[in-house]
């Protein structure tokens, strides 16, 4: 099987792996295909989009419900990891019935530094607790979001 792979598939595998490490077909695009307004410099390693590159606003919009995905920015030579928090994404807890509406009294996590350990890595996220009073304790809000508080 290995000899067969070397003879028949090796070059294709290597070409595709190298393509993935660069901008692939998206190097021809300068403008974001999502909004046609900003430069397409960001991609997600986990979304099944073929490495599509979009602008910072579109990558944040696409990841409101998947805030633990791994996002990268093209720096002119290679991709480097970029946090969604640094791009402005906030996770709002407590407003389950109004998923896309901001809490009128958001309480940022202490020090605005909240870390989530997931199966795809360690993520520093922007997380806001509900400060309206109806969301319950911070522990309850985390548990209802499927996040298990640790230290």
Protein backbone atom coordinates (compact mmCIF):
# COMPACT_ATOMS: atom_id res chain seq x y z
CA UNK A 1 0.00 0.00 0.00
CA UNK A 2 2.80 2.48 0.78
CA UNK A 3 4.56 1.84 -2.53
CA UNK A 4 1.25 2.31 -4.34
CA UNK A 5 0.65 5.59 -2.50
CA UNK A 6 4.17 6.81 -3.35
CA UNK A 7 3.72 5.98 -7.02
CA UNK A 8 0.15 7.18 -7.46
CA UNK A 9 -0.74 9.75 -4.80
CA UNK A 10 2.34 11.28 -3.18
CA UNK A 11 2.68 14.28 -5.49
CA UNK A 12 -1.00 15.13 -5.24
CA UNK A 13 -0.94 14.87 -1.43
CA UNK A 14 2.16 17.06 -1.17
CA UNK A 15 0.77 19.65 -3.58
CA UNK A 16 -2.48 19.90 -1.62
CA UNK A 17 -0.71 20.10 1.74
CA UNK A 18 1.47 22.93 0.45
CA UNK A 19 -1.58 24.63 -1.06
CA UNK A 20 -3.30 24.49 2.36
CA UNK A 21 -0.30 26.11 4.08
CA UNK A 22 -0.51 29.04 1.66
CA UNK A 23 -3.48 30.95 0.32
CA UNK A 24 -4.41 28.34 -2.28
CA UNK A 25 -6.94 29.52 -4.83
CA UNK A 26 -7.79 32.51 -2.66
CA UNK A 27 -4.55 34.34 -3.45
CA UNK A 28 -6.30 35.85 -6.47
CA UNK A 29 -8.94 37.49 -4.26
CA UNK A 30 -8.14 40.80 -2.69
CA UNK A 31 -11.62 41.63 -1.49
CA UNK A 32 -13.76 39.63 0.93
CA UNK A 33 -16.30 37.46 -0.93
CA UNK A 34 -18.71 37.88 2.00
CA UNK A 35 -19.11 41.65 2.04
CA UNK A 36 -17.08 42.85 -0.97
CA UNK A 37 -15.83 45.72 1.18
CA UNK A 38 -12.69 44.74 3.11
CA UNK A 39 -9.53 42.76 2.37
CA UNK A 40 -9.85 38.98 2.68
CA UNK A 41 -7.08 38.08 5.14
CA UNK A 42 -8.65 35.58 7.57
CA UNK A 43 -9.54 31.91 7.41
CA UNK A 44 -10.77 29.22 9.78
CA UNK A 45 -8.84 25.95 10.15
CA UNK A 46 -11.98 24.08 11.27
CA UNK A 47 -14.76 25.31 8.97
CA UNK A 48 -15.14 23.14 5.91
CA UNK A 49 -14.80 26.03 3.45
CA UNK A 50 -11.71 24.93 1.56
CA UNK A 51 -9.64 27.59 3.30
CA UNK A 52 -11.84 30.44 2.07
CA UNK A 53 -10.46 33.78 3.15
CA UNK A 54 -12.74 36.57 4.38
CA UNK A 55 -12.38 39.89 6.19
CA UNK A 56 -12.27 40.33 9.97
CA UNK A 57 -15.92 41.42 10.22
CA UNK A 58 -17.16 38.42 8.24
CA UNK A 59 -15.01 35.90 10.14
CA UNK A 60 -16.44 37.22 13.43
CA UNK A 61 -20.00 37.08 12.08
CA UNK A 62 -19.47 33.51 10.83
CA UNK A 63 -18.20 32.40 14.26
CA UNK A 64 -20.79 33.83 16.64
CA UNK A 65 -22.03 30.29 17.27
CA UNK A 66 -18.65 28.56 16.94
CA UNK A 67 -16.38 30.78 19.06
CA UNK A 68 -13.82 28.03 19.70
CA UNK A 69 -12.80 27.59 16.08
CA UNK A 70 -9.17 28.27 15.15
CA UNK A 71 -8.82 31.43 13.06
CA UNK A 72 -5.70 32.52 11.21
CA UNK A 73 -4.64 35.76 9.55
CA UNK A 74 -2.38 36.05 6.49
CA UNK A 75 0.61 38.24 7.39
CA UNK A 76 1.98 38.50 3.85
CA UNK A 77 4.19 35.42 4.10
CA UNK A 78 2.29 32.84 6.14
CA UNK A 79 -0.76 32.30 8.32
CA UNK A 80 -0.57 32.98 12.03
CA UNK A 81 -3.14 32.23 14.69
CA UNK A 82 -5.48 35.07 15.64
CA UNK A 83 -8.00 34.97 18.47
CA UNK A 84 -11.61 35.78 17.75
CA UNK A 85 -11.50 37.84 20.95
CA UNK A 86 -8.86 40.11 19.40
CA UNK A 87 -11.18 40.55 16.42
CA UNK A 88 -14.03 41.66 18.69
CA UNK A 89 -16.09 38.49 19.22
CA UNK A 90 -17.88 38.38 22.58
CA UNK A 91 -19.67 35.34 24.02
CA UNK A 92 -22.82 36.54 25.78
CA UNK A 93 -24.17 34.23 28.48
CA UNK A 94 -27.62 34.24 30.04
CA UNK A 95 -29.79 35.38 27.13
CA UNK A 96 -30.71 31.97 25.71
CA UNK A 97 -34.08 33.10 24.39
CA UNK A 98 -32.55 36.15 22.66
CA UNK A 99 -29.47 34.49 21.20
CA UNK A 100 -28.34 37.33 18.93
CA UNK A 101 -29.26 40.24 21.18
CA UNK A 102 -26.74 41.84 23.47
CA UNK A 103 -27.41 41.98 27.19
CA UNK A 104 -28.21 45.55 28.27
CA UNK A 105 -26.05 45.00 31.38
CA UNK A 106 -23.14 42.74 30.30
CA UNK A 107 -20.55 41.84 32.93
CA UNK A 108 -17.17 40.99 31.38
CA UNK A 109 -15.37 38.03 32.94
CA UNK A 110 -12.92 39.09 35.67
CA UNK A 111 -9.99 40.88 34.06
CA UNK A 112 -11.69 40.29 30.70
CA UNK A 113 -9.50 37.20 30.48
CA UNK A 114 -11.50 33.99 30.20
CA UNK A 115 -9.82 30.79 29.08
CA UNK A 116 -11.62 27.74 27.70
CA UNK A 117 -9.83 24.43 27.20
CA UNK A 118 -11.42 22.51 24.33
CA UNK A 119 -10.48 19.44 22.30
CA UNK A 120 -8.90 21.70 19.65
CA UNK A 121 -6.80 23.82 21.97
CA UNK A 122 -6.74 26.50 24.63
CA UNK A 123 -8.75 29.60 23.78
CA UNK A 124 -8.77 33.03 25.36
CA UNK A 125 -12.24 34.40 24.67
CA UNK A 126 -14.19 37.54 25.34
CA UNK A 127 -16.99 36.39 27.64
CA UNK A 128 -19.78 38.45 29.16
CA UNK A 129 -22.07 37.24 31.91
CA UNK A 130 -25.66 38.46 32.04
CA UNK A 131 -25.93 41.26 34.57
CA UNK A 132 -29.70 41.70 34.26
CA UNK A 133 -30.42 39.45 37.21
CA UNK A 134 -32.41 36.84 35.30
CA UNK A 135 -29.41 34.85 34.15
CA UNK A 136 -28.57 33.41 37.55
CA UNK A 137 -25.15 32.94 39.07
CA UNK A 138 -22.03 32.97 36.94
CA UNK A 139 -21.67 29.24 37.59
CA UNK A 140 -25.21 28.58 36.37
CA UNK A 141 -24.67 30.68 33.25
CA UNK A 142 -21.47 28.78 32.42
CA UNK A 143 -23.10 25.39 33.00
CA UNK A 144 -26.09 26.29 30.83
CA UNK A 145 -23.66 27.17 28.05
CA UNK A 146 -22.01 23.76 28.39
CA UNK A 147 -18.91 25.23 30.01
CA UNK A 148 -17.68 23.62 33.20
CA UNK A 149 -16.07 26.08 35.62
CA UNK A 150 -12.66 25.17 36.97
CA UNK A 151 -10.07 27.40 38.62
